[in-house]
Amino acid sequence: MGGTRHPDPTTTWHQWALGALRGPSQIFFQQNVVTGALVLIAFVIADWRMGVLALIGAVGGMLGGRAVGFPPSSVASGMQSFCGTLVGAAVFAALGGDAWWSYVLAFAGGLATGPVTWLVDALFTRTRLAVFSLPSTTAPFVIVATVVVLATLPLAVDAGPSDLPDEPVAAFFLSILTNVSQVVLVDHPLSGAVILIGLFIASRPVGLAALLGSVLGSATAVALGESWSEVANGLTNYSGVLTAIALTVTFLTSSAASWLYALPWIVVTAVVTLFMHRAGLETYTWPYILTTWAALIVAHSVRALRRA
């Protein structure tokens, strides 16, 4: 992910505005202003300060992207702001939105996603890995967010108590929505519903893929013995949402083969997520990233699958 770098005219205000709105939608691989606006609303539903920090991170990401040479078209498409958006959300999740340093860190972290994206892109385009055409996807976000969170552990705030039910049926059905919201670090079923509506607005297959990843991820977590309270809040299942969208309709040409191919990898994503949680590791979207990279490398040798 990310455009070819070359000298370009100054980015216009219209391109900055489009980038700020499309960035949140690019978290789910969509270039859609309405979807992006609904993702921002999902942040605000959780806490208006989270929405502000996400936007600050997005602005930092666009400035960082331009600083290392990504063109205005890449800014306008949201490709330089989606990782910064997530960094801003991660800062809120770790540090809250009361202190001034949260806003400084959201901007600085967003800014850092520009050069980190450049480095990840270089790894995948200037080495032997180039043959696999691997996307940088959300890797710049998780790299930057992990550094920020580990560097600010003394400032960390405790997460508020969850009031989601732990009764099996209710927990499972709520998880279908919270899995979607937890992609952007939000623990709220209404936020998940708003994002899911946005995905269906962008593309019906994308919305269906998100549902597939959510349901199969939750089923895998249950099968592996995860508690119903953890299933309900979506922390064990959210990466499968991204894996499903990535492999069914985004990085592989959508076909019966791509949908079938995605199924075992969604399960693998859930297993990796649970392993990382139980090991006490900073998870973010690493399970999706690592699984999708592995799946695309394998897909390179599967004749029935074609890269999009």
Protein backbone atom coordinates (compact mmCIF):
# COMPACT_ATOMS: atom_id res chain seq x y z
CA MET A 1 0.00 0.00 0.00
CA GLY A 2 1.22 3.51 -0.70
CA GLY A 3 1.88 5.33 -3.93
CA THR A 4 4.95 5.89 -6.07
CA ARG A 5 6.93 8.83 -4.76
CA HIS A 6 7.82 11.65 -7.11
CA PRO A 7 7.85 15.45 -7.00
CA ASP A 8 4.31 16.86 -7.04
CA PRO A 9 2.62 20.22 -6.69
CA THR A 10 1.57 21.40 -3.27
CA THR A 11 -1.31 19.43 -1.81
CA THR A 12 -4.59 21.39 -1.97
CA TRP A 13 -6.95 21.88 0.95
CA HIS A 14 -9.46 19.67 -0.87
CA GLN A 15 -6.97 16.79 -0.96
CA TRP A 16 -6.20 17.24 2.76
CA ALA A 17 -9.92 17.16 3.55
CA LEU A 18 -10.50 14.07 1.44
CA GLY A 19 -7.54 12.37 3.09
CA ALA A 20 -8.90 13.08 6.56
CA LEU A 21 -12.26 11.51 5.65
CA ARG A 22 -11.04 8.66 3.49
CA GLY A 23 -8.29 7.65 5.90
CA PRO A 24 -10.67 6.03 8.39
CA SER A 25 -12.33 4.10 5.56
CA GLN A 26 -8.93 2.88 4.31
CA ILE A 27 -8.50 1.03 7.62
CA PHE A 28 -11.03 -1.34 6.04
CA PHE A 29 -9.48 -0.99 2.54
CA GLN A 30 -12.18 1.39 1.26
CA GLN A 31 -11.81 4.78 -0.40
CA ASN A 32 -15.19 6.15 0.57
CA VAL A 33 -15.99 9.46 2.23
CA VAL A 34 -19.29 8.27 3.73
CA THR A 35 -17.67 5.14 5.17
CA GLY A 36 -14.85 7.23 6.59
CA ALA A 37 -17.30 9.67 8.17
CA LEU A 38 -19.16 6.77 9.79
CA VAL A 39 -15.91 5.38 11.21
CA LEU A 40 -15.23 8.81 12.72
CA ILE A 41 -18.75 8.81 14.17
CA ALA A 42 -17.97 5.40 15.67
CA PHE A 43 -15.02 6.99 17.50
CA VAL A 44 -17.22 9.80 18.79
CA ILE A 45 -19.83 7.32 20.02
CA ALA A 46 -17.11 5.85 22.22
CA ASP A 47 -15.74 9.26 23.30
CA TRP A 48 -15.58 12.55 21.41
CA ARG A 49 -11.94 12.96 22.46
CA MET A 50 -11.09 9.71 20.69
CA GLY A 51 -12.50 11.20 17.50
CA VAL A 52 -10.37 14.32 17.95
CA LEU A 53 -7.21 12.29 18.58
CA ALA A 54 -7.95 10.10 15.53
CA LEU A 55 -8.25 13.21 13.35
CA ILE A 56 -5.05 14.70 14.80
CA GLY A 57 -3.26 11.43 14.05
CA ALA A 58 -4.65 11.50 10.51
CA VAL A 59 -3.30 15.01 9.94
CA GLY A 60 0.09 13.94 11.26
CA GLY A 61 0.05 10.94 8.96
CA MET A 62 -0.67 13.06 5.88
CA LEU A 63 2.08 15.52 6.74
CA GLY A 64 4.52 12.68 7.43
CA GLY A 65 3.61 11.02 4.14
CA ARG A 66 4.18 14.19 2.16
CA ALA A 67 7.47 14.82 3.99
CA VAL A 68 8.90 11.53 2.67
CA GLY A 69 7.61 12.09 -0.84
CA PHE A 70 4.25 10.38 -1.17
CA PRO A 71 2.19 12.31 -3.75
CA PRO A 72 -0.94 14.41 -3.10
CA SER A 73 -3.04 11.72 -4.78
CA SER A 74 -1.94 9.29 -2.07
CA VAL A 75 -2.96 11.83 0.57
CA ALA A 76 -6.36 12.38 -1.05
CA SER A 77 -7.05 8.65 -1.26
CA GLY A 78 -6.55 8.25 2.49
CA MET A 79 -3.48 6.05 2.13
CA GLN A 80 -1.33 8.44 4.18
CA SER A 81 -3.86 9.03 6.96
CA PHE A 82 -5.34 5.67 7.91
CA CYS A 83 -2.37 4.53 10.00
CA GLY A 84 -2.22 7.93 11.71
CA THR A 85 -5.94 7.66 12.46
CA LEU A 86 -5.31 4.37 14.22
CA VAL A 87 -2.33 5.80 16.12
CA GLY A 88 -4.55 8.57 17.46
CA ALA A 89 -7.12 5.98 18.57
CA ALA A 90 -4.37 3.89 20.20
CA VAL A 91 -3.12 6.92 22.12
CA PHE A 92 -6.60 7.45 23.51
CA ALA A 93 -6.95 3.77 24.41
CA ALA A 94 -3.64 3.84 26.29
CA LEU A 95 -3.50 7.35 27.75
CA GLY A 96 -7.02 8.73 27.61
CA GLY A 97 -7.87 12.21 26.37
CA ASP A 98 -7.51 14.39 29.48
CA ALA A 99 -3.82 15.30 29.33
CA TRP A 100 -2.24 17.60 26.74
CA TRP A 101 0.47 15.09 25.95
CA SER A 102 -2.09 12.72 24.44
CA TYR A 103 -2.70 15.23 21.66
CA VAL A 104 1.00 15.85 21.10
CA LEU A 105 1.68 12.11 20.95
CA ALA A 106 -1.21 11.53 18.55
CA PHE A 107 0.24 14.10 16.15
CA ALA A 108 3.85 12.96 16.56
CA GLY A 109 2.85 9.32 16.20
CA GLY A 110 0.80 10.09 13.10
CA LEU A 111 3.73 12.02 11.66
CA ALA A 112 6.01 9.03 12.26
CA THR A 113 3.77 6.72 10.22
CA GLY A 114 4.95 8.53 7.07
CA PRO A 115 8.62 7.46 7.21
CA VAL A 116 7.71 4.07 8.69
CA THR A 117 5.37 3.45 5.74
CA TRP A 118 8.22 4.42 3.41
CA LEU A 119 10.53 1.91 5.11
CA VAL A 120 8.00 -0.94 5.03
CA ASP A 121 7.23 -0.19 1.38
CA ALA A 122 10.96 -0.24 0.62
CA LEU A 123 11.30 -3.63 2.32
CA PHE A 124 8.57 -5.07 0.12
CA THR A 125 9.54 -3.39 -3.16
CA ARG A 126 13.35 -3.27 -3.09
CA THR A 127 14.20 -6.71 -1.76
CA ARG A 128 13.51 -10.26 -2.86
CA LEU A 129 10.11 -9.96 -1.20
CA ALA A 130 9.01 -7.79 -4.13
CA VAL A 131 7.89 -10.87 -6.06
CA PHE A 132 5.04 -11.35 -3.58
CA SER A 133 3.71 -7.75 -3.85
CA LEU A 134 3.03 -7.61 -0.12
CA PRO A 135 1.14 -4.55 1.17
CA SER A 136 2.41 -2.49 4.09
CA THR A 137 -1.23 -2.34 5.28
CA THR A 138 -1.49 -1.43 9.01
CA ALA A 139 2.10 -2.41 9.88
CA PRO A 140 3.24 1.25 10.21
CA PHE A 141 0.45 1.81 12.72
CA VAL A 142 1.32 -1.16 14.92
CA ILE A 143 5.04 -0.35 14.84
CA VAL A 144 4.51 3.28 15.85
CA ALA A 145 1.72 2.57 18.35
CA THR A 146 3.75 -0.14 20.08
CA VAL A 147 6.70 2.24 20.49
CA VAL A 148 4.44 5.03 21.80
CA VAL A 149 2.62 2.78 24.27
CA LEU A 150 5.78 1.14 25.62
CA ALA A 151 7.48 4.52 25.98
CA THR A 152 4.56 5.96 27.95
CA LEU A 153 3.70 3.08 30.27
CA PRO A 154 3.98 5.28 33.42
CA LEU A 155 1.29 7.56 31.95
CA ALA A 156 -1.11 4.76 31.02
CA VAL A 157 -4.71 4.93 32.24
CA ASP A 158 -6.81 1.95 33.25
CA ALA A 159 -9.47 0.84 30.82
CA GLY A 160 -13.00 1.35 32.08
CA PRO A 161 -15.02 -1.69 33.14
CA SER A 162 -16.97 -3.43 30.42
CA ASP A 163 -20.71 -3.78 30.93
CA LEU A 164 -21.16 -6.27 28.11
CA PRO A 165 -22.93 -9.52 29.07
CA ASP A 166 -21.15 -12.83 29.55
CA GLU A 167 -24.22 -14.94 28.83
CA PRO A 168 -23.29 -17.17 25.85
CA VAL A 169 -25.96 -16.29 23.28
CA ALA A 170 -25.93 -12.56 24.00
CA ALA A 171 -22.12 -12.46 24.14
CA PHE A 172 -21.75 -14.24 20.79
CA PHE A 173 -24.18 -12.00 18.93
CA LEU A 174 -22.74 -8.83 20.48
CA SER A 175 -19.28 -9.95 19.45
CA ILE A 176 -20.31 -9.78 15.80
CA LEU A 177 -20.50 -6.00 16.25
CA THR A 178 -17.71 -5.46 18.77
CA ASN A 179 -15.31 -7.43 16.59
CA VAL A 180 -15.83 -4.75 13.95
CA SER A 181 -15.48 -1.85 16.40
CA GLN A 182 -12.35 -3.27 18.02
CA VAL A 183 -10.54 -2.99 14.67
CA VAL A 184 -10.37 0.72 15.51
CA LEU A 185 -9.85 0.08 19.26
CA VAL A 186 -13.45 0.84 20.24
CA ASP A 187 -15.32 -1.38 22.69
CA HIS A 188 -18.91 -0.51 21.73
CA PRO A 189 -21.47 -2.56 19.76
CA LEU A 190 -23.21 0.56 18.45
CA SER A 191 -19.90 1.77 17.01
CA GLY A 192 -19.49 -1.63 15.37
CA ALA A 193 -22.96 -1.39 13.84
CA VAL A 194 -22.22 2.09 12.46
CA ILE A 195 -18.95 0.90 10.90
CA LEU A 196 -20.64 -2.18 9.45
CA ILE A 197 -23.28 0.01 7.82
CA GLY A 198 -20.45 2.06 6.35
CA LEU A 199 -18.81 -1.06 4.93
CA PHE A 200 -22.04 -2.15 3.24
CA ILE A 201 -22.40 1.37 1.81
CA ALA A 202 -18.91 1.06 0.34
CA SER A 203 -19.49 -2.43 -1.04
CA ARG A 204 -21.90 -5.28 -0.28
CA PRO A 205 -19.16 -7.94 -0.66
CA VAL A 206 -16.98 -5.99 1.78
CA GLY A 207 -19.79 -5.88 4.34
CA LEU A 208 -20.43 -9.60 3.90
CA ALA A 209 -16.73 -10.37 4.24
CA ALA A 210 -16.59 -8.37 7.49
CA LEU A 211 -19.53 -10.38 8.84
CA LEU A 212 -17.88 -13.63 7.78
CA GLY A 213 -14.63 -12.74 9.52
CA SER A 214 -16.46 -11.62 12.64
CA VAL A 215 -18.65 -14.72 13.00
CA LEU A 216 -15.87 -17.20 12.20
CA GLY A 217 -13.44 -15.39 14.50
CA SER A 218 -15.88 -15.56 17.41
CA ALA A 219 -16.65 -19.21 16.74
CA THR A 220 -12.93 -20.01 16.78
CA ALA A 221 -12.41 -18.13 20.05
CA VAL A 222 -15.27 -20.06 21.64
CA ALA A 223 -13.89 -23.35 20.35
CA LEU A 224 -10.51 -22.51 21.89
CA GLY A 225 -12.08 -21.93 25.29
CA GLU A 226 -11.99 -18.15 25.48
CA SER A 227 -14.27 -16.69 28.16
CA TRP A 228 -17.62 -15.32 27.06
CA SER A 229 -16.77 -11.88 28.46
CA GLU A 230 -13.68 -11.73 26.24
CA VAL A 231 -15.68 -12.93 23.25
CA ALA A 232 -18.33 -10.26 23.91
CA ASN A 233 -15.89 -7.33 23.92
CA GLY A 234 -14.34 -8.35 20.61
CA LEU A 235 -10.73 -8.38 21.76
CA THR A 236 -10.20 -11.99 20.69
CA ASN A 237 -11.80 -11.77 17.26
CA TYR A 238 -11.38 -8.38 15.58
CA SER A 239 -8.35 -9.16 13.39
CA GLY A 240 -10.35 -11.81 11.55
CA VAL A 241 -12.59 -9.04 10.21
CA LEU A 242 -9.61 -7.48 8.40
CA THR A 243 -8.24 -10.84 7.24
CA ALA A 244 -11.60 -11.73 5.71
CA ILE A 245 -11.90 -8.45 3.79
CA ALA A 246 -8.24 -8.57 2.73
CA LEU A 247 -8.32 -12.06 1.27
CA THR A 248 -11.83 -12.28 -0.18
CA VAL A 249 -12.11 -8.99 -2.08
CA THR A 250 -9.08 -6.73 -1.57
CA PHE A 251 -5.67 -8.25 -2.25
CA LEU A 252 -7.06 -11.24 -4.16
CA THR A 253 -9.53 -10.98 -7.01
CA SER A 254 -12.94 -11.84 -5.61
CA SER A 255 -14.02 -15.33 -6.63
CA ALA A 256 -15.37 -18.52 -5.13
CA ALA A 257 -11.74 -19.59 -4.69
CA SER A 258 -10.78 -16.43 -2.78
CA TRP A 259 -13.72 -16.76 -0.39
CA LEU A 260 -12.92 -20.41 0.30
CA TYR A 261 -9.23 -19.63 0.64
CA ALA A 262 -9.95 -16.96 3.26
CA LEU A 263 -11.77 -19.34 5.64
CA PRO A 264 -8.79 -21.21 7.16
CA TRP A 265 -6.78 -18.00 7.37
CA ILE A 266 -9.52 -16.31 9.39
CA VAL A 267 -9.25 -19.22 11.83
CA VAL A 268 -5.46 -18.88 11.89
CA THR A 269 -5.85 -15.16 12.63
CA ALA A 270 -8.04 -15.95 15.65
CA VAL A 271 -5.51 -18.51 16.91
CA VAL A 272 -2.63 -16.02 16.56
CA THR A 273 -4.71 -13.37 18.35
CA LEU A 274 -5.41 -15.67 21.30
CA PHE A 275 -1.77 -16.73 21.48
CA MET A 276 -0.59 -13.12 21.58
CA HIS A 277 -3.18 -12.16 24.20
CA ARG A 278 -2.30 -15.07 26.45
CA ALA A 279 1.41 -14.26 26.05
CA GLY A 280 0.74 -10.70 27.22
CA LEU A 281 1.98 -9.15 23.97
CA GLU A 282 0.82 -5.87 22.42
CA THR A 283 -1.55 -7.23 19.81
CA TYR A 284 -3.18 -4.41 17.83
CA THR A 285 -3.65 -5.73 14.26
CA TRP A 286 -0.50 -7.89 14.20
CA PRO A 287 -2.51 -11.15 13.90
CA TYR A 288 -4.20 -9.88 10.74
CA ILE A 289 -0.97 -8.47 9.31
CA LEU A 290 1.15 -11.59 9.85
CA THR A 291 -1.59 -13.96 8.72
CA THR A 292 -2.38 -11.97 5.59
CA TRP A 293 1.27 -11.68 4.59
CA ALA A 294 1.63 -15.46 5.00
CA ALA A 295 -1.60 -16.06 3.06
CA LEU A 296 -0.50 -13.85 0.15
CA ILE A 297 2.89 -15.56 -0.03
CA VAL A 298 1.16 -18.96 -0.21
CA ALA A 299 -1.41 -17.63 -2.69
CA HIS A 300 1.45 -16.72 -5.02
CA SER A 301 1.73 -20.44 -5.82
CA VAL A 302 -2.01 -21.21 -5.99
CA ARG A 303 -3.13 -21.12 -9.62
CA ALA A 304 -6.81 -20.61 -8.81
CA LEU A 305 -6.06 -17.33 -7.02
CA ARG A 306 -5.16 -14.03 -8.65
CA ARG A 307 -3.87 -10.84 -7.08
CA ALA A 308 -6.23 -7.91 -7.36
